[in-house]
Amino acid sequence: MALESGKYLAELKKRAKDSHVHREFQLIGLEIADILKDRSHKSLYIKLAKNNPRPHDLLAIAKEVAEKKDVKRKGAYFMAVITGKHKPKSEVFTYSPSKSKSKKRVRPK
């Protein structure tokens, strides 16, 4: 029984959009991806939620990042905040680019 290639491809695309969530961390990871409008990196957010002992904190940070109007790449900003590369000056997260971009590298002898 051979399916027409057009119908088969349409069925595969339809199945790909359905999510198969079985655990809480999967749901949290997908919610973070949707909040940040970065569904293409959903597996990264699922992994972060799985490995983090407090995944609901990640969800709260994602909501705060999504509320910021001046951030263009919300997923990248979210990652900078949770990895500690971006240290907020107050409780409200603000974006400030790195000032030391032109450091000279010295090779050890």
N, C-alpha and C. Protein backbone atom coordinates (compact mmCIF):
# COMPACT_ATOMS: atom_id res chain seq x y z
N MET A 1 0.85 -1.18 0.00
CA MET A 1 0.00 0.00 0.00
C MET A 1 0.90 1.24 0.00
N ALA A 2 0.97 1.88 -1.11
CA ALA A 2 1.83 3.06 -1.23
C ALA A 2 0.99 4.32 -1.11
N LEU A 3 1.44 5.22 -0.29
CA LEU A 3 0.77 6.51 -0.16
C LEU A 3 1.34 7.48 -1.18
N GLU A 4 0.50 8.38 -1.60
CA GLU A 4 1.03 9.42 -2.48
C GLU A 4 2.05 10.23 -1.71
N SER A 5 3.12 10.61 -2.37
CA SER A 5 4.21 11.30 -1.66
C SER A 5 3.75 12.62 -1.05
N GLY A 6 2.85 13.33 -1.69
CA GLY A 6 2.34 14.59 -1.15
C GLY A 6 1.56 14.39 0.12
N LYS A 7 0.71 13.37 0.15
CA LYS A 7 -0.09 13.09 1.35
C LYS A 7 0.80 12.60 2.48
N TYR A 8 1.78 11.78 2.14
CA TYR A 8 2.69 11.24 3.14
C TYR A 8 3.51 12.35 3.79
N LEU A 9 4.05 13.26 2.97
CA LEU A 9 4.84 14.38 3.51
C LEU A 9 3.97 15.30 4.35
N ALA A 10 2.73 15.52 3.92
CA ALA A 10 1.82 16.35 4.70
C ALA A 10 1.53 15.71 6.05
N GLU A 11 1.37 14.39 6.07
CA GLU A 11 1.13 13.67 7.32
C GLU A 11 2.35 13.76 8.24
N LEU A 12 3.54 13.66 7.69
CA LEU A 12 4.75 13.78 8.51
C LEU A 12 4.88 15.18 9.11
N LYS A 13 4.57 16.20 8.33
CA LYS A 13 4.62 17.57 8.85
C LYS A 13 3.60 17.77 9.96
N LYS A 14 2.43 17.17 9.79
CA LYS A 14 1.38 17.28 10.81
C LYS A 14 1.83 16.60 12.11
N ARG A 15 2.44 15.42 11.99
CA ARG A 15 2.91 14.70 13.17
C ARG A 15 4.05 15.44 13.88
N ALA A 16 4.89 16.10 13.11
CA ALA A 16 6.03 16.83 13.70
C ALA A 16 5.57 17.97 14.59
N LYS A 17 4.41 18.55 14.28
CA LYS A 17 3.91 19.68 15.07
C LYS A 17 3.31 19.23 16.39
N ASP A 18 2.86 18.00 16.46
CA ASP A 18 2.30 17.48 17.70
C ASP A 18 3.42 17.23 18.70
N SER A 19 3.18 17.62 19.94
CA SER A 19 4.20 17.39 20.96
C SER A 19 3.83 16.14 21.75
N HIS A 20 4.83 15.42 22.14
CA HIS A 20 4.64 14.20 22.92
C HIS A 20 5.28 14.42 24.28
N VAL A 21 4.55 15.07 25.15
CA VAL A 21 5.06 15.42 26.48
C VAL A 21 4.65 14.33 27.45
N HIS A 22 5.64 13.75 28.14
CA HIS A 22 5.36 12.71 29.11
C HIS A 22 5.80 13.09 30.52
N ARG A 23 6.71 14.05 30.63
CA ARG A 23 7.23 14.43 31.95
C ARG A 23 7.12 15.94 32.12
N GLU A 24 7.20 16.38 33.36
CA GLU A 24 7.04 17.80 33.67
C GLU A 24 8.15 18.64 33.07
N PHE A 25 9.39 18.17 33.10
CA PHE A 25 10.49 18.97 32.56
C PHE A 25 10.34 19.18 31.06
N GLN A 26 9.72 18.23 30.36
CA GLN A 26 9.47 18.42 28.93
C GLN A 26 8.48 19.55 28.70
N LEU A 27 7.44 19.59 29.52
CA LEU A 27 6.44 20.64 29.40
C LEU A 27 7.06 22.00 29.71
N ILE A 28 7.87 22.08 30.75
CA ILE A 28 8.50 23.34 31.12
C ILE A 28 9.44 23.81 30.02
N GLY A 29 10.23 22.89 29.45
CA GLY A 29 11.13 23.24 28.36
C GLY A 29 10.38 23.77 27.14
N LEU A 30 9.26 23.15 26.80
CA LEU A 30 8.45 23.61 25.67
C LEU A 30 7.81 24.97 25.97
N GLU A 31 7.39 25.17 27.21
CA GLU A 31 6.82 26.47 27.59
C GLU A 31 7.88 27.57 27.49
N ILE A 32 9.10 27.29 27.91
CA ILE A 32 10.18 28.27 27.80
C ILE A 32 10.43 28.61 26.34
N ALA A 33 10.46 27.59 25.48
CA ALA A 33 10.67 27.82 24.05
C ALA A 33 9.55 28.67 23.46
N ASP A 34 8.32 28.42 23.88
CA ASP A 34 7.20 29.21 23.36
C ASP A 34 7.23 30.64 23.89
N ILE A 35 7.57 30.80 25.16
CA ILE A 35 7.63 32.15 25.74
C ILE A 35 8.69 32.99 25.05
N LEU A 36 9.84 32.38 24.77
CA LEU A 36 10.94 33.11 24.13
C LEU A 36 10.80 33.15 22.61
N LYS A 37 9.76 32.50 22.09
CA LYS A 37 9.53 32.41 20.63
C LYS A 37 10.76 31.83 19.93
N ASP A 38 11.26 30.74 20.51
CA ASP A 38 12.47 30.09 20.01
C ASP A 38 12.23 28.58 19.96
N ARG A 39 11.20 28.18 19.25
CA ARG A 39 10.79 26.77 19.21
C ARG A 39 11.86 25.89 18.56
N SER A 40 12.71 26.47 17.73
CA SER A 40 13.74 25.68 17.07
C SER A 40 14.78 25.13 18.05
N HIS A 41 14.90 25.72 19.22
CA HIS A 41 15.85 25.25 20.22
C HIS A 41 15.13 24.59 21.41
N LYS A 42 14.00 23.98 21.15
CA LYS A 42 13.21 23.39 22.23
C LYS A 42 13.96 22.29 22.98
N SER A 43 14.78 21.53 22.28
CA SER A 43 15.51 20.45 22.97
C SER A 43 16.52 21.01 23.98
N LEU A 44 17.10 22.16 23.69
CA LEU A 44 18.01 22.81 24.63
C LEU A 44 17.27 23.21 25.90
N TYR A 45 16.10 23.80 25.75
CA TYR A 45 15.33 24.24 26.91
C TYR A 45 14.80 23.04 27.71
N ILE A 46 14.46 21.96 27.03
CA ILE A 46 14.03 20.75 27.74
C ILE A 46 15.19 20.19 28.55
N LYS A 47 16.38 20.18 27.97
CA LYS A 47 17.56 19.67 28.69
C LYS A 47 17.88 20.55 29.89
N LEU A 48 17.77 21.87 29.73
CA LEU A 48 18.01 22.77 30.85
C LEU A 48 17.02 22.51 31.98
N ALA A 49 15.74 22.32 31.62
CA ALA A 49 14.72 22.06 32.63
C ALA A 49 14.96 20.72 33.32
N LYS A 50 15.46 19.74 32.58
CA LYS A 50 15.71 18.42 33.16
C LYS A 50 16.87 18.46 34.14
N ASN A 51 17.93 19.17 33.80
CA ASN A 51 19.14 19.18 34.62
C ASN A 51 19.12 20.21 35.73
N ASN A 52 18.15 21.10 35.74
CA ASN A 52 18.07 22.14 36.76
C ASN A 52 17.21 21.64 37.92
N PRO A 53 17.68 21.74 39.16
CA PRO A 53 16.87 21.27 40.28
C PRO A 53 15.62 22.12 40.52
N ARG A 54 15.62 23.35 40.01
CA ARG A 54 14.46 24.23 40.17
C ARG A 54 14.03 24.76 38.80
N PRO A 55 13.39 23.93 37.98
CA PRO A 55 13.04 24.35 36.62
C PRO A 55 12.01 25.46 36.56
N HIS A 56 11.24 25.63 37.62
CA HIS A 56 10.24 26.71 37.62
C HIS A 56 10.91 28.08 37.68
N ASP A 57 12.11 28.13 38.23
CA ASP A 57 12.87 29.39 38.23
C ASP A 57 13.26 29.76 36.80
N LEU A 58 13.60 28.77 35.98
CA LEU A 58 13.92 29.04 34.58
C LEU A 58 12.71 29.62 33.86
N LEU A 59 11.54 29.10 34.18
CA LEU A 59 10.32 29.59 33.58
C LEU A 59 10.06 31.05 33.96
N ALA A 60 10.32 31.39 35.21
CA ALA A 60 10.15 32.77 35.67
C ALA A 60 11.14 33.71 34.97
N ILE A 61 12.38 33.27 34.81
CA ILE A 61 13.38 34.08 34.13
C ILE A 61 12.99 34.28 32.68
N ALA A 62 12.48 33.24 32.04
CA ALA A 62 12.05 33.34 30.63
C ALA A 62 10.92 34.35 30.49
N LYS A 63 10.00 34.37 31.44
CA LYS A 63 8.90 35.34 31.38
C LYS A 63 9.42 36.76 31.54
N GLU A 64 10.38 36.96 32.43
CA GLU A 64 10.95 38.30 32.60
C GLU A 64 11.70 38.75 31.35
N VAL A 65 12.43 37.84 30.72
CA VAL A 65 13.16 38.16 29.49
C VAL A 65 12.18 38.48 28.37
N ALA A 66 11.08 37.74 28.28
CA ALA A 66 10.10 37.95 27.21
C ALA A 66 9.41 39.30 27.34
N GLU A 67 9.31 39.82 28.55
CA GLU A 67 8.65 41.11 28.76
C GLU A 67 9.52 42.28 28.31
N LYS A 68 10.81 42.07 28.16
CA LYS A 68 11.71 43.15 27.76
C LYS A 68 11.50 43.48 26.28
N LYS A 69 11.25 44.71 25.99
CA LYS A 69 10.99 45.15 24.62
C LYS A 69 12.28 45.40 23.84
N ASP A 70 13.36 45.77 24.52
CA ASP A 70 14.60 46.16 23.83
C ASP A 70 15.51 44.98 23.48
N VAL A 71 15.14 43.77 23.86
CA VAL A 71 15.96 42.59 23.57
C VAL A 71 15.47 41.96 22.27
N LYS A 72 16.38 41.85 21.30
CA LYS A 72 16.01 41.29 20.00
C LYS A 72 16.12 39.78 20.00
N ARG A 73 17.19 39.25 20.57
CA ARG A 73 17.43 37.80 20.60
C ARG A 73 17.16 37.29 22.01
N LYS A 74 15.90 37.03 22.29
CA LYS A 74 15.48 36.68 23.64
C LYS A 74 16.09 35.35 24.11
N GLY A 75 16.25 34.40 23.21
CA GLY A 75 16.86 33.12 23.59
C GLY A 75 18.31 33.28 24.01
N ALA A 76 19.05 34.08 23.26
CA ALA A 76 20.46 34.33 23.59
C ALA A 76 20.58 35.10 24.90
N TYR A 77 19.71 36.06 25.11
CA TYR A 77 19.73 36.84 26.35
C TYR A 77 19.39 35.95 27.55
N PHE A 78 18.40 35.06 27.37
CA PHE A 78 18.02 34.11 28.41
C PHE A 78 19.21 33.24 28.80
N MET A 79 19.92 32.73 27.81
CA MET A 79 21.08 31.88 28.08
C MET A 79 22.18 32.66 28.80
N ALA A 80 22.39 33.91 28.43
CA ALA A 80 23.40 34.72 29.10
C ALA A 80 23.03 34.95 30.56
N VAL A 81 21.75 35.14 30.83
CA VAL A 81 21.32 35.37 32.21
C VAL A 81 21.49 34.11 33.05
N ILE A 82 21.08 32.96 32.54
CA ILE A 82 21.13 31.76 33.38
C ILE A 82 22.53 31.19 33.52
N THR A 83 23.41 31.46 32.58
CA THR A 83 24.78 30.97 32.71
C THR A 83 25.65 31.91 33.54
N GLY A 84 25.14 33.08 33.86
CA GLY A 84 25.88 34.01 34.70
C GLY A 84 26.81 34.92 33.92
N LYS A 85 26.77 34.87 32.62
CA LYS A 85 27.61 35.76 31.82
C LYS A 85 27.08 37.18 31.82
N HIS A 86 25.82 37.31 32.16
CA HIS A 86 25.23 38.64 32.26
C HIS A 86 24.78 38.82 33.70
N LYS A 87 25.44 39.70 34.42
CA LYS A 87 25.13 39.95 35.82
C LYS A 87 24.20 41.16 35.92
N PRO A 88 22.96 40.95 36.33
CA PRO A 88 22.06 42.09 36.47
C PRO A 88 22.47 42.98 37.64
N LYS A 89 22.30 44.28 37.47
CA LYS A 89 22.68 45.22 38.52
C LYS A 89 21.59 45.31 39.59
N SER A 90 20.38 44.99 39.21
CA SER A 90 19.29 44.98 40.17
C SER A 90 18.45 43.74 39.91
N GLU A 91 17.28 43.69 40.53
CA GLU A 91 16.42 42.53 40.31
C GLU A 91 15.86 42.51 38.90
N VAL A 92 15.71 43.66 38.30
CA VAL A 92 15.23 43.74 36.93
C VAL A 92 16.42 43.56 36.01
N PHE A 93 16.32 42.65 35.06
CA PHE A 93 17.42 42.36 34.16
C PHE A 93 17.54 43.47 33.13
N THR A 94 18.75 43.96 32.94
CA THR A 94 19.00 44.98 31.93
C THR A 94 20.14 44.53 31.05
N TYR A 95 20.11 44.94 29.81
CA TYR A 95 21.14 44.55 28.85
C TYR A 95 22.23 45.59 28.82
N SER A 96 23.47 45.16 28.97
CA SER A 96 24.61 46.05 28.83
C SER A 96 25.72 45.28 28.13
N PRO A 97 26.11 45.71 26.95
CA PRO A 97 27.14 44.96 26.21
C PRO A 97 28.48 45.01 26.93
N SER A 98 29.29 44.02 26.65
CA SER A 98 30.60 43.92 27.28
C SER A 98 31.47 45.10 26.85
N LYS A 99 32.17 45.70 27.80
CA LYS A 99 32.99 46.87 27.50
C LYS A 99 34.39 46.48 27.03
N SER A 100 34.82 45.28 27.35
CA SER A 100 36.19 44.89 27.06
C SER A 100 36.24 43.91 25.89
N LYS A 101 35.87 44.35 24.73
CA LYS A 101 35.88 43.48 23.55
C LYS A 101 37.24 43.45 22.87
N SER A 102 38.06 44.45 23.09
CA SER A 102 39.32 44.53 22.36
C SER A 102 40.53 44.19 23.24
N LYS A 103 40.42 43.18 24.06
CA LYS A 103 41.54 42.77 24.90
C LYS A 103 42.53 42.00 24.05
N LYS A 104 43.80 42.23 24.31
CA LYS A 104 44.84 41.49 23.61
C LYS A 104 45.10 40.20 24.37
N ARG A 105 45.24 39.13 23.61
CA ARG A 105 45.53 37.84 24.21
C ARG A 105 47.04 37.65 24.30
N VAL A 106 47.48 37.21 25.44
CA VAL A 106 48.89 36.96 25.67
C VAL A 106 49.09 35.46 25.79
N ARG A 107 49.98 34.92 24.99
CA ARG A 107 50.22 33.48 25.02
C ARG A 107 51.21 33.17 26.13
N PRO A 108 50.91 32.14 26.91
CA PRO A 108 51.85 31.74 27.97
C PRO A 108 53.08 31.08 27.36
N LYS A 109 54.23 31.27 28.02
CA LYS A 109 55.50 30.72 27.51
C LYS A 109 55.80 29.38 28.11
